[in-house]
């Protein structure tokens, strides 16, 4: 029931103001709340408010990616099916940028943030 596009625009506007930078991110990744690629959801991180067909089609994530690409045409925007894939991508970006510290902002539902913590605490494949 939330207007995800409005939330994305508000986040961008807030960060631009707070950071004094028109391009607060070099990369933006939008993923579902599905925790792991192989095993799916961790049972205690499943949201009962999630529409299974929206998760399967990545409709919310694709809409957010489209919105972000319009807000900031220079940011590399990605859509990923799982939190595990998004974390792996962030690690890859960090590994490729060994001269600077890479900061990652994770925002979304508590299920998503909890899933990120679960992935970060899991052994790296």
N, C-alpha and C. Protein backbone atom coordinates (compact mmCIF):
# COMPACT_ATOMS: atom_id res chain seq x y z
N UNK A 1 0.81 -1.20 0.00
CA UNK A 1 0.00 0.00 0.00
C UNK A 1 0.85 1.26 0.00
N UNK A 2 2.14 1.10 0.15
CA UNK A 2 3.02 2.28 0.14
C UNK A 2 3.32 2.70 -1.30
N UNK A 3 3.57 3.98 -1.48
CA UNK A 3 3.98 4.50 -2.78
C UNK A 3 5.50 4.45 -2.83
N UNK A 4 6.04 3.35 -3.34
CA UNK A 4 7.48 3.12 -3.34
C UNK A 4 8.21 4.19 -4.16
N UNK A 5 7.63 4.60 -5.27
CA UNK A 5 8.29 5.62 -6.10
C UNK A 5 8.41 6.95 -5.35
N UNK A 6 7.36 7.32 -4.61
CA UNK A 6 7.42 8.56 -3.82
C UNK A 6 8.47 8.45 -2.72
N UNK A 7 8.57 7.26 -2.10
CA UNK A 7 9.60 7.05 -1.08
C UNK A 7 11.00 7.17 -1.68
N UNK A 8 11.20 6.62 -2.88
CA UNK A 8 12.50 6.70 -3.54
C UNK A 8 12.86 8.16 -3.86
N UNK A 9 11.89 8.90 -4.36
CA UNK A 9 12.14 10.32 -4.67
C UNK A 9 12.46 11.11 -3.40
N UNK A 10 11.74 10.82 -2.32
CA UNK A 10 11.99 11.52 -1.05
C UNK A 10 13.37 11.16 -0.50
N UNK A 11 13.76 9.89 -0.61
CA UNK A 11 15.09 9.47 -0.15
C UNK A 11 16.17 10.20 -0.94
N UNK A 12 16.02 10.23 -2.25
CA UNK A 12 17.02 10.91 -3.08
C UNK A 12 17.11 12.39 -2.71
N UNK A 13 15.98 13.04 -2.60
CA UNK A 13 15.95 14.47 -2.27
C UNK A 13 16.61 14.73 -0.91
N UNK A 14 16.29 13.90 0.06
CA UNK A 14 16.86 14.06 1.40
C UNK A 14 18.37 13.88 1.37
N UNK A 15 18.84 12.87 0.66
CA UNK A 15 20.29 12.62 0.60
C UNK A 15 21.02 13.71 -0.17
N UNK A 16 20.43 14.20 -1.24
CA UNK A 16 21.05 15.30 -1.99
C UNK A 16 21.23 16.50 -1.08
N UNK A 17 20.21 16.82 -0.31
CA UNK A 17 20.28 17.96 0.61
C UNK A 17 21.28 17.71 1.72
N UNK A 18 21.20 16.54 2.34
CA UNK A 18 22.07 16.24 3.49
C UNK A 18 23.54 16.13 3.10
N UNK A 19 23.80 15.55 1.93
CA UNK A 19 25.18 15.33 1.52
C UNK A 19 25.74 16.45 0.64
N UNK A 20 24.85 17.30 0.14
CA UNK A 20 25.30 18.37 -0.75
C UNK A 20 25.86 17.81 -2.05
N UNK A 21 25.28 16.71 -2.51
CA UNK A 21 25.76 16.03 -3.71
C UNK A 21 24.55 15.60 -4.53
N UNK A 22 24.50 16.01 -5.79
CA UNK A 22 23.37 15.66 -6.65
C UNK A 22 23.34 14.17 -6.98
N UNK A 23 24.44 13.50 -6.75
CA UNK A 23 24.52 12.06 -7.04
C UNK A 23 24.98 11.33 -5.78
N UNK A 24 24.03 11.02 -4.89
CA UNK A 24 24.43 10.40 -3.62
C UNK A 24 24.91 8.95 -3.75
N UNK A 25 24.57 8.27 -4.86
CA UNK A 25 24.96 6.88 -5.04
C UNK A 25 25.60 6.67 -6.41
N UNK A 26 26.56 5.77 -6.46
CA UNK A 26 27.10 5.33 -7.75
C UNK A 26 26.32 4.12 -8.26
N UNK A 27 25.74 3.36 -7.34
CA UNK A 27 24.97 2.16 -7.67
C UNK A 27 23.69 2.15 -6.82
N UNK A 28 22.63 1.63 -7.40
CA UNK A 28 21.38 1.43 -6.65
C UNK A 28 20.86 0.03 -7.01
N UNK A 29 20.67 -0.78 -6.00
CA UNK A 29 20.22 -2.16 -6.21
C UNK A 29 18.87 -2.34 -5.52
N UNK A 30 17.92 -2.87 -6.24
CA UNK A 30 16.60 -3.14 -5.71
C UNK A 30 16.37 -4.64 -5.76
N UNK A 31 16.03 -5.22 -4.61
CA UNK A 31 15.82 -6.67 -4.54
C UNK A 31 14.56 -6.97 -3.75
N UNK A 32 14.12 -8.22 -3.87
CA UNK A 32 12.98 -8.68 -3.10
C UNK A 32 13.44 -8.98 -1.67
N UNK A 33 12.50 -9.42 -0.85
CA UNK A 33 12.84 -9.85 0.52
C UNK A 33 13.27 -11.31 0.57
N UNK A 34 13.39 -11.96 -0.58
CA UNK A 34 13.85 -13.35 -0.62
C UNK A 34 15.30 -13.37 -0.16
N UNK A 35 15.57 -14.12 0.88
CA UNK A 35 16.88 -14.06 1.52
C UNK A 35 17.97 -14.71 0.68
N UNK A 36 17.78 -15.99 0.35
CA UNK A 36 18.85 -16.76 -0.30
C UNK A 36 18.45 -17.23 -1.69
N UNK A 37 19.44 -17.35 -2.56
CA UNK A 37 19.20 -17.79 -3.93
C UNK A 37 18.73 -19.23 -3.98
N UNK A 38 19.39 -20.11 -3.25
CA UNK A 38 19.07 -21.54 -3.32
C UNK A 38 17.89 -21.94 -2.42
N UNK A 39 17.84 -21.40 -1.23
CA UNK A 39 16.85 -21.88 -0.25
C UNK A 39 15.67 -20.92 -0.05
N UNK A 40 15.72 -19.76 -0.64
CA UNK A 40 14.60 -18.82 -0.54
C UNK A 40 14.56 -18.08 0.78
N UNK A 41 13.37 -17.97 1.33
CA UNK A 41 13.14 -17.19 2.54
C UNK A 41 13.64 -17.93 3.78
N UNK A 42 14.22 -17.17 4.69
CA UNK A 42 14.44 -17.69 6.03
C UNK A 42 13.06 -17.57 6.71
N UNK A 43 12.56 -18.64 7.35
CA UNK A 43 11.17 -18.65 7.83
C UNK A 43 10.75 -17.45 8.67
N UNK A 44 11.60 -16.94 9.54
CA UNK A 44 11.18 -15.83 10.39
C UNK A 44 11.29 -14.47 9.69
N UNK A 45 11.68 -14.47 8.42
CA UNK A 45 11.80 -13.22 7.69
C UNK A 45 10.75 -13.09 6.58
N UNK A 46 9.74 -13.94 6.62
CA UNK A 46 8.69 -13.90 5.61
C UNK A 46 7.62 -12.89 6.00
N UNK A 47 7.30 -12.01 5.08
CA UNK A 47 6.25 -11.02 5.32
C UNK A 47 4.93 -11.57 4.80
N UNK A 48 3.91 -11.54 5.64
CA UNK A 48 2.59 -12.02 5.21
C UNK A 48 1.93 -11.02 4.26
N UNK A 49 2.46 -9.82 4.16
CA UNK A 49 1.87 -8.80 3.28
C UNK A 49 2.46 -8.82 1.87
N UNK A 50 3.30 -9.80 1.58
CA UNK A 50 3.96 -9.86 0.28
C UNK A 50 3.10 -10.62 -0.71
N UNK A 51 2.88 -10.02 -1.87
CA UNK A 51 2.14 -10.66 -2.94
C UNK A 51 3.11 -11.54 -3.72
N UNK A 52 2.87 -12.85 -3.75
CA UNK A 52 3.79 -13.80 -4.37
C UNK A 52 4.02 -13.49 -5.85
N UNK A 53 2.99 -13.07 -6.56
CA UNK A 53 3.18 -12.78 -7.99
C UNK A 53 4.03 -11.52 -8.19
N UNK A 54 3.91 -10.54 -7.29
CA UNK A 54 4.77 -9.35 -7.36
C UNK A 54 6.23 -9.72 -7.11
N UNK A 55 6.45 -10.63 -6.16
CA UNK A 55 7.82 -11.08 -5.86
C UNK A 55 8.38 -11.81 -7.07
N UNK A 56 7.60 -12.71 -7.64
CA UNK A 56 8.06 -13.50 -8.79
C UNK A 56 8.38 -12.62 -10.00
N UNK A 57 7.54 -11.64 -10.27
CA UNK A 57 7.73 -10.78 -11.44
C UNK A 57 8.70 -9.62 -11.18
N UNK A 58 9.08 -9.43 -9.93
CA UNK A 58 9.96 -8.32 -9.53
C UNK A 58 9.34 -6.97 -9.88
N UNK A 59 8.02 -6.90 -9.87
CA UNK A 59 7.34 -5.68 -10.31
C UNK A 59 7.66 -4.46 -9.45
N UNK A 60 7.71 -4.63 -8.14
CA UNK A 60 8.03 -3.50 -7.27
C UNK A 60 9.47 -3.05 -7.50
N UNK A 61 10.38 -4.01 -7.59
CA UNK A 61 11.80 -3.70 -7.77
C UNK A 61 12.04 -3.03 -9.13
N UNK A 62 11.38 -3.53 -10.16
CA UNK A 62 11.53 -2.93 -11.49
C UNK A 62 10.98 -1.51 -11.51
N UNK A 63 9.87 -1.30 -10.82
CA UNK A 63 9.30 0.05 -10.73
C UNK A 63 10.22 1.01 -10.01
N UNK A 64 10.82 0.53 -8.91
CA UNK A 64 11.77 1.37 -8.17
C UNK A 64 13.01 1.67 -9.02
N UNK A 65 13.49 0.67 -9.73
CA UNK A 65 14.67 0.86 -10.58
C UNK A 65 14.38 1.90 -11.67
N UNK A 66 13.20 1.81 -12.25
CA UNK A 66 12.81 2.76 -13.28
C UNK A 66 12.73 4.18 -12.69
N UNK A 67 12.14 4.29 -11.52
CA UNK A 67 12.05 5.59 -10.85
C UNK A 67 13.43 6.15 -10.57
N UNK A 68 14.32 5.31 -10.02
CA UNK A 68 15.66 5.80 -9.67
C UNK A 68 16.44 6.20 -10.91
N UNK A 69 16.30 5.44 -11.99
CA UNK A 69 17.01 5.77 -13.23
C UNK A 69 16.56 7.13 -13.78
N UNK A 70 15.30 7.49 -13.55
CA UNK A 70 14.81 8.80 -13.97
C UNK A 70 15.33 9.90 -13.06
N UNK A 71 15.45 9.61 -11.77
CA UNK A 71 15.93 10.60 -10.80
C UNK A 71 17.40 10.91 -11.04
N UNK A 72 18.19 9.86 -11.27
CA UNK A 72 19.64 10.01 -11.40
C UNK A 72 20.12 9.11 -12.54
N UNK A 73 20.29 9.69 -13.71
CA UNK A 73 20.66 8.93 -14.90
C UNK A 73 22.08 8.38 -14.85
N UNK A 74 22.93 8.88 -13.95
CA UNK A 74 24.31 8.41 -13.88
C UNK A 74 24.50 7.21 -12.95
N UNK A 75 23.56 6.97 -12.07
CA UNK A 75 23.68 5.84 -11.15
C UNK A 75 23.45 4.53 -11.89
N UNK A 76 24.31 3.55 -11.64
CA UNK A 76 24.11 2.22 -12.20
C UNK A 76 23.01 1.53 -11.39
N UNK A 77 21.90 1.24 -12.03
CA UNK A 77 20.73 0.69 -11.35
C UNK A 77 20.58 -0.79 -11.71
N UNK A 78 20.38 -1.62 -10.69
CA UNK A 78 20.23 -3.06 -10.87
C UNK A 78 18.99 -3.55 -10.15
N UNK A 79 18.41 -4.62 -10.67
CA UNK A 79 17.33 -5.35 -10.01
C UNK A 79 17.82 -6.77 -9.78
N UNK A 80 17.70 -7.23 -8.55
CA UNK A 80 18.14 -8.58 -8.23
C UNK A 80 17.02 -9.33 -7.51
N UNK A 81 16.99 -10.63 -7.72
CA UNK A 81 15.91 -11.46 -7.18
C UNK A 81 16.04 -11.67 -5.67
N UNK A 82 17.28 -11.75 -5.16
CA UNK A 82 17.46 -12.08 -3.74
C UNK A 82 18.38 -11.10 -3.04
N UNK A 83 18.25 -11.09 -1.72
CA UNK A 83 19.13 -10.29 -0.88
C UNK A 83 20.57 -10.79 -1.03
N UNK A 84 20.72 -12.11 -1.08
CA UNK A 84 22.05 -12.70 -1.22
C UNK A 84 22.75 -12.18 -2.48
N UNK A 85 22.03 -12.08 -3.59
CA UNK A 85 22.60 -11.56 -4.83
C UNK A 85 22.96 -10.08 -4.70
N UNK A 86 22.12 -9.32 -4.02
CA UNK A 86 22.39 -7.90 -3.83
C UNK A 86 23.63 -7.69 -2.97
N UNK A 87 23.77 -8.47 -1.91
CA UNK A 87 24.95 -8.37 -1.05
C UNK A 87 26.20 -8.78 -1.83
N UNK A 88 26.11 -9.83 -2.62
CA UNK A 88 27.25 -10.27 -3.43
C UNK A 88 27.67 -9.17 -4.40
N UNK A 89 26.68 -8.49 -4.99
CA UNK A 89 27.00 -7.39 -5.90
C UNK A 89 27.70 -6.25 -5.16
N UNK A 90 27.20 -5.90 -3.98
CA UNK A 90 27.83 -4.83 -3.19
C UNK A 90 29.26 -5.21 -2.84
N UNK A 91 29.48 -6.46 -2.48
CA UNK A 91 30.85 -6.92 -2.19
C UNK A 91 31.74 -6.81 -3.43
N UNK A 92 31.18 -7.16 -4.59
CA UNK A 92 31.95 -7.08 -5.85
C UNK A 92 32.34 -5.63 -6.13
N UNK A 93 31.41 -4.72 -5.93
CA UNK A 93 31.70 -3.29 -6.12
C UNK A 93 32.81 -2.86 -5.15
N UNK A 94 32.70 -3.31 -3.90
CA UNK A 94 33.72 -2.98 -2.91
C UNK A 94 35.08 -3.55 -3.27
N UNK A 95 35.11 -4.78 -3.74
CA UNK A 95 36.37 -5.42 -4.12
C UNK A 95 37.02 -4.70 -5.30
N UNK A 96 36.21 -4.21 -6.23
CA UNK A 96 36.72 -3.52 -7.41
C UNK A 96 37.21 -2.11 -7.08
N UNK A 97 36.81 -1.59 -5.94
CA UNK A 97 37.15 -0.23 -5.55
C UNK A 97 38.05 -0.26 -4.33
N UNK A 98 39.23 -0.84 -4.48
CA UNK A 98 40.11 -1.04 -3.33
C UNK A 98 40.81 0.23 -2.86
N UNK A 99 40.65 1.33 -3.59
CA UNK A 99 41.28 2.58 -3.17
C UNK A 99 40.44 3.37 -2.18
N UNK A 100 39.13 3.16 -2.20
CA UNK A 100 38.22 3.91 -1.33
C UNK A 100 37.32 2.96 -0.56
N UNK A 101 36.90 3.41 0.60
CA UNK A 101 35.90 2.66 1.35
C UNK A 101 34.57 2.76 0.62
N UNK A 102 33.87 1.66 0.52
CA UNK A 102 32.56 1.64 -0.13
C UNK A 102 31.50 1.59 0.97
N UNK A 103 30.60 2.56 0.94
CA UNK A 103 29.52 2.62 1.91
C UNK A 103 28.25 2.08 1.27
N UNK A 104 27.48 1.34 2.04
CA UNK A 104 26.25 0.74 1.54
C UNK A 104 25.10 1.20 2.44
N UNK A 105 24.05 1.70 1.83
CA UNK A 105 22.83 2.06 2.55
C UNK A 105 21.79 0.99 2.27
N UNK A 106 21.29 0.39 3.32
CA UNK A 106 20.24 -0.63 3.19
C UNK A 106 18.98 -0.05 3.80
N UNK A 107 17.94 -0.01 3.00
CA UNK A 107 16.68 0.52 3.48
C UNK A 107 15.54 -0.31 2.93
N UNK A 108 14.50 -0.39 3.67
CA UNK A 108 13.34 -1.19 3.27
C UNK A 108 12.63 -1.69 4.51
N UNK A 109 11.97 -2.79 4.36
CA UNK A 109 11.23 -3.36 5.48
C UNK A 109 12.19 -4.00 6.49
N UNK A 110 11.66 -4.27 7.66
CA UNK A 110 12.46 -5.00 8.65
C UNK A 110 12.80 -6.39 8.15
N UNK A 111 11.92 -6.98 7.33
CA UNK A 111 12.21 -8.29 6.75
C UNK A 111 13.43 -8.21 5.84
N UNK A 112 13.51 -7.15 5.05
CA UNK A 112 14.65 -6.99 4.15
C UNK A 112 15.93 -6.75 4.94
N UNK A 113 15.89 -5.86 5.88
CA UNK A 113 17.08 -5.55 6.69
C UNK A 113 17.51 -6.78 7.49
N UNK A 114 16.54 -7.51 8.05
CA UNK A 114 16.86 -8.75 8.76
C UNK A 114 17.48 -9.78 7.84
N UNK A 115 16.99 -9.84 6.59
CA UNK A 115 17.57 -10.75 5.60
C UNK A 115 19.00 -10.39 5.27
N UNK A 116 19.27 -9.09 5.17
CA UNK A 116 20.65 -8.65 4.90
C UNK A 116 21.56 -9.09 6.05
N UNK A 117 21.12 -8.89 7.28
CA UNK A 117 21.93 -9.32 8.43
C UNK A 117 22.17 -10.82 8.38
N UNK A 118 21.15 -11.58 8.01
CA UNK A 118 21.29 -13.03 7.91
C UNK A 118 22.33 -13.39 6.85
N UNK A 119 22.29 -12.75 5.70
CA UNK A 119 23.25 -13.02 4.64
C UNK A 119 24.66 -12.63 5.08
N UNK A 120 24.79 -11.47 5.71
CA UNK A 120 26.11 -11.01 6.15
C UNK A 120 26.72 -11.94 7.20
N UNK A 121 25.87 -12.58 7.99
CA UNK A 121 26.36 -13.49 9.03
C UNK A 121 26.60 -14.90 8.51
N UNK A 122 26.22 -15.15 7.27
CA UNK A 122 26.42 -16.48 6.66
C UNK A 122 27.82 -16.55 6.05
N UNK A 123 28.37 -17.75 5.93
CA UNK A 123 29.67 -17.90 5.27
C UNK A 123 29.59 -17.45 3.81
N UNK A 124 30.62 -16.78 3.36
CA UNK A 124 30.68 -16.33 1.97
C UNK A 124 31.04 -17.54 1.11
N UNK A 125 30.22 -17.81 0.07
CA UNK A 125 30.51 -18.99 -0.79
C UNK A 125 31.81 -18.86 -1.55
